[in-house]
N, C-alpha and C. Protein backbone atom coordinates (compact mmCIF):
# COMPACT_ATOMS: atom_id res chain seq x y z
N MET A 1 5.76 19.23 2.78
CA MET A 1 6.21 18.34 3.82
C MET A 1 5.92 16.90 3.40
N VAL A 2 6.88 16.04 3.56
CA VAL A 2 6.73 14.65 3.19
C VAL A 2 6.23 13.86 4.40
N ILE A 3 5.26 13.00 4.18
CA ILE A 3 4.72 12.15 5.24
C ILE A 3 5.15 10.71 4.96
N ASP A 4 5.75 10.08 5.96
CA ASP A 4 6.21 8.71 5.82
C ASP A 4 5.09 7.75 6.23
N TRP A 5 4.55 7.04 5.25
CA TRP A 5 3.47 6.08 5.51
C TRP A 5 3.99 4.65 5.54
N GLU A 6 5.29 4.46 5.71
CA GLU A 6 5.88 3.12 5.67
C GLU A 6 5.24 2.20 6.71
N LEU A 7 5.11 2.65 7.96
CA LEU A 7 4.51 1.80 9.00
C LEU A 7 3.03 1.53 8.72
N ILE A 8 2.33 2.56 8.24
CA ILE A 8 0.92 2.38 7.89
C ILE A 8 0.81 1.35 6.78
N TYR A 9 1.68 1.46 5.78
CA TYR A 9 1.68 0.51 4.67
C TYR A 9 1.96 -0.90 5.15
N GLN A 10 3.00 -1.08 5.97
CA GLN A 10 3.38 -2.41 6.45
C GLN A 10 2.25 -3.10 7.20
N LYS A 11 1.49 -2.34 7.99
CA LYS A 11 0.40 -2.92 8.79
C LYS A 11 -0.91 -3.08 8.03
N ASN A 12 -1.03 -2.43 6.87
CA ASN A 12 -2.32 -2.39 6.18
C ASN A 12 -2.24 -2.70 4.70
N LYS A 13 -1.29 -3.52 4.28
CA LYS A 13 -1.14 -3.86 2.86
C LYS A 13 -2.46 -4.37 2.27
N GLY A 14 -2.88 -3.77 1.18
CA GLY A 14 -4.08 -4.22 0.49
C GLY A 14 -5.38 -3.82 1.16
N LYS A 15 -5.33 -3.00 2.18
CA LYS A 15 -6.53 -2.60 2.93
C LYS A 15 -6.88 -1.14 2.65
N TRP A 16 -8.13 -0.81 2.89
CA TRP A 16 -8.58 0.58 2.91
C TRP A 16 -8.31 1.11 4.31
N VAL A 17 -7.86 2.36 4.40
CA VAL A 17 -7.47 2.95 5.68
C VAL A 17 -8.18 4.29 5.84
N ALA A 18 -8.70 4.51 7.04
CA ALA A 18 -9.28 5.80 7.41
C ALA A 18 -8.28 6.51 8.31
N LEU A 19 -7.91 7.73 7.93
CA LEU A 19 -6.92 8.50 8.68
C LEU A 19 -7.56 9.74 9.30
N LYS A 20 -6.97 10.20 10.43
CA LYS A 20 -7.35 11.49 11.00
C LYS A 20 -6.86 12.58 10.07
N GLN A 21 -7.25 13.83 10.35
CA GLN A 21 -6.86 14.96 9.51
C GLN A 21 -5.35 15.22 9.53
N ASP A 22 -4.62 14.67 10.51
CA ASP A 22 -3.16 14.84 10.53
C ASP A 22 -2.48 13.96 9.47
N GLU A 23 -3.23 13.10 8.82
CA GLU A 23 -2.80 12.23 7.73
C GLU A 23 -1.80 11.15 8.14
N VAL A 24 -1.63 10.90 9.44
CA VAL A 24 -0.72 9.85 9.89
C VAL A 24 -1.33 8.92 10.93
N THR A 25 -2.43 9.33 11.54
CA THR A 25 -3.06 8.53 12.58
C THR A 25 -4.17 7.68 11.97
N VAL A 26 -4.02 6.36 12.06
CA VAL A 26 -5.01 5.44 11.51
C VAL A 26 -6.18 5.32 12.48
N ILE A 27 -7.38 5.56 11.97
CA ILE A 27 -8.61 5.43 12.76
C ILE A 27 -9.14 4.01 12.63
N ALA A 28 -9.18 3.52 11.39
CA ALA A 28 -9.77 2.21 11.11
C ALA A 28 -9.22 1.69 9.78
N ASN A 29 -9.41 0.39 9.56
CA ASN A 29 -9.07 -0.19 8.27
C ASN A 29 -10.11 -1.24 7.92
N GLY A 30 -10.10 -1.68 6.68
CA GLY A 30 -11.06 -2.69 6.24
C GLY A 30 -10.71 -3.20 4.86
N ASP A 31 -11.33 -4.31 4.50
CA ASP A 31 -11.10 -4.88 3.17
C ASP A 31 -11.80 -4.07 2.08
N THR A 32 -12.84 -3.33 2.45
CA THR A 32 -13.55 -2.48 1.49
C THR A 32 -13.57 -1.05 2.00
N LEU A 33 -13.78 -0.13 1.09
CA LEU A 33 -13.90 1.28 1.46
C LEU A 33 -15.04 1.47 2.45
N GLN A 34 -16.17 0.85 2.18
CA GLN A 34 -17.34 1.00 3.04
C GLN A 34 -17.06 0.49 4.45
N GLU A 35 -16.39 -0.65 4.56
CA GLU A 35 -16.08 -1.22 5.88
C GLU A 35 -15.19 -0.27 6.70
N ALA A 36 -14.13 0.25 6.09
CA ALA A 36 -13.23 1.15 6.80
C ALA A 36 -13.94 2.45 7.17
N TYR A 37 -14.74 2.97 6.25
CA TYR A 37 -15.49 4.21 6.51
C TYR A 37 -16.49 4.02 7.64
N ASP A 38 -17.24 2.93 7.61
CA ASP A 38 -18.22 2.67 8.66
C ASP A 38 -17.57 2.54 10.03
N LYS A 39 -16.41 1.88 10.10
CA LYS A 39 -15.69 1.75 11.37
C LYS A 39 -15.26 3.13 11.89
N ALA A 40 -14.79 3.99 11.00
CA ALA A 40 -14.37 5.33 11.40
C ALA A 40 -15.56 6.15 11.91
N ILE A 41 -16.69 6.05 11.21
CA ILE A 41 -17.90 6.77 11.63
C ILE A 41 -18.36 6.28 13.00
N MET A 42 -18.31 4.96 13.23
CA MET A 42 -18.72 4.40 14.53
C MET A 42 -17.82 4.89 15.66
N GLN A 43 -16.59 5.26 15.34
CA GLN A 43 -15.68 5.78 16.35
C GLN A 43 -15.83 7.30 16.53
N GLY A 44 -16.74 7.90 15.78
CA GLY A 44 -17.04 9.31 15.97
C GLY A 44 -16.34 10.27 15.01
N TYR A 45 -15.69 9.76 14.00
CA TYR A 45 -15.01 10.62 13.03
C TYR A 45 -15.94 10.84 11.83
N ARG A 46 -16.35 12.09 11.64
CA ARG A 46 -17.33 12.39 10.60
C ARG A 46 -16.72 12.52 9.21
N LYS A 47 -15.47 12.96 9.11
CA LYS A 47 -14.84 13.17 7.81
C LYS A 47 -13.42 12.60 7.80
N PRO A 48 -13.29 11.28 7.84
CA PRO A 48 -11.95 10.71 7.78
C PRO A 48 -11.35 10.84 6.38
N ILE A 49 -10.05 10.83 6.31
CA ILE A 49 -9.36 10.78 5.03
C ILE A 49 -9.25 9.31 4.65
N MET A 50 -9.76 8.95 3.49
CA MET A 50 -9.79 7.55 3.06
C MET A 50 -8.73 7.32 1.99
N THR A 51 -7.99 6.22 2.14
CA THR A 51 -7.01 5.85 1.13
C THR A 51 -6.85 4.33 1.14
N ARG A 52 -6.33 3.82 0.07
CA ARG A 52 -6.08 2.37 0.00
C ARG A 52 -4.59 2.14 -0.09
N MET A 53 -4.09 1.27 0.75
CA MET A 53 -2.68 0.89 0.71
C MET A 53 -2.51 -0.22 -0.32
N PRO A 54 -1.55 -0.08 -1.21
CA PRO A 54 -1.36 -1.12 -2.24
C PRO A 54 -0.88 -2.43 -1.61
N GLU A 55 -1.08 -3.53 -2.32
CA GLU A 55 -0.62 -4.82 -1.83
C GLU A 55 0.90 -4.93 -1.93
N GLN A 56 1.47 -4.25 -2.91
CA GLN A 56 2.92 -4.21 -3.04
C GLN A 56 3.32 -2.88 -3.63
N LEU A 57 4.53 -2.44 -3.30
CA LEU A 57 5.04 -1.19 -3.85
C LEU A 57 5.81 -1.49 -5.12
N ILE A 58 5.47 -0.79 -6.17
CA ILE A 58 6.11 -0.99 -7.46
C ILE A 58 6.82 0.31 -7.82
N PRO A 59 8.15 0.27 -7.95
CA PRO A 59 8.88 1.49 -8.28
C PRO A 59 8.54 1.99 -9.68
N PHE A 60 8.55 3.30 -9.83
CA PHE A 60 8.30 3.92 -11.12
C PHE A 60 9.41 4.93 -11.38
N VAL A 61 10.07 4.78 -12.49
CA VAL A 61 11.11 5.72 -12.89
C VAL A 61 10.76 6.23 -14.27
N GLY A 62 10.77 7.52 -14.45
CA GLY A 62 10.47 8.09 -15.76
C GLY A 62 9.37 9.13 -15.66
N GLY A 63 8.81 9.43 -16.77
CA GLY A 63 7.75 10.44 -16.81
C GLY A 63 6.62 9.97 -17.70
N TYR A 64 5.63 10.78 -17.76
CA TYR A 64 4.48 10.49 -18.61
C TYR A 64 4.64 11.29 -19.89
N GLY A 65 4.37 10.66 -21.01
CA GLY A 65 4.43 11.35 -22.28
C GLY A 65 3.04 11.54 -22.84
N LEU A 66 2.85 12.63 -23.53
CA LEU A 66 1.57 12.91 -24.15
C LEU A 66 1.76 12.97 -25.65
N SER A 67 0.97 12.27 -26.35
CA SER A 67 1.06 12.30 -27.80
C SER A 67 -0.07 13.13 -28.34
N LEU A 68 0.27 14.04 -29.23
CA LEU A 68 -0.75 14.87 -29.85
C LEU A 68 -1.15 14.37 -31.23
N LEU A 69 -0.64 13.20 -31.58
CA LEU A 69 -0.98 12.62 -32.88
C LEU A 69 -2.32 11.90 -32.80
N ALA A 70 -3.11 12.10 -33.77
CA ALA A 70 -4.39 11.42 -33.85
C ALA A 70 -4.29 10.29 -34.88
N VAL A 71 -4.82 9.17 -34.54
CA VAL A 71 -4.82 8.03 -35.47
C VAL A 71 -6.22 7.95 -36.09
N PHE A 72 -6.25 7.99 -37.42
CA PHE A 72 -7.53 7.92 -38.13
C PHE A 72 -7.66 6.62 -38.86
């Protein structure tokens, strides 16, 4: 199932976000992980899901390549 975080992203660009277990409800945010986590704990959430929203979205097209060559 795909979760749309567009609204969360728009409101929290560059911030750390604490989410409920449903992964869509924002409990708290902060400039640092510790700040957002502490706010969530103060609101009574013992195990929030923590994530950081990027400051800007950068599209990525392509794949990752693995090289098995060793350079000596």
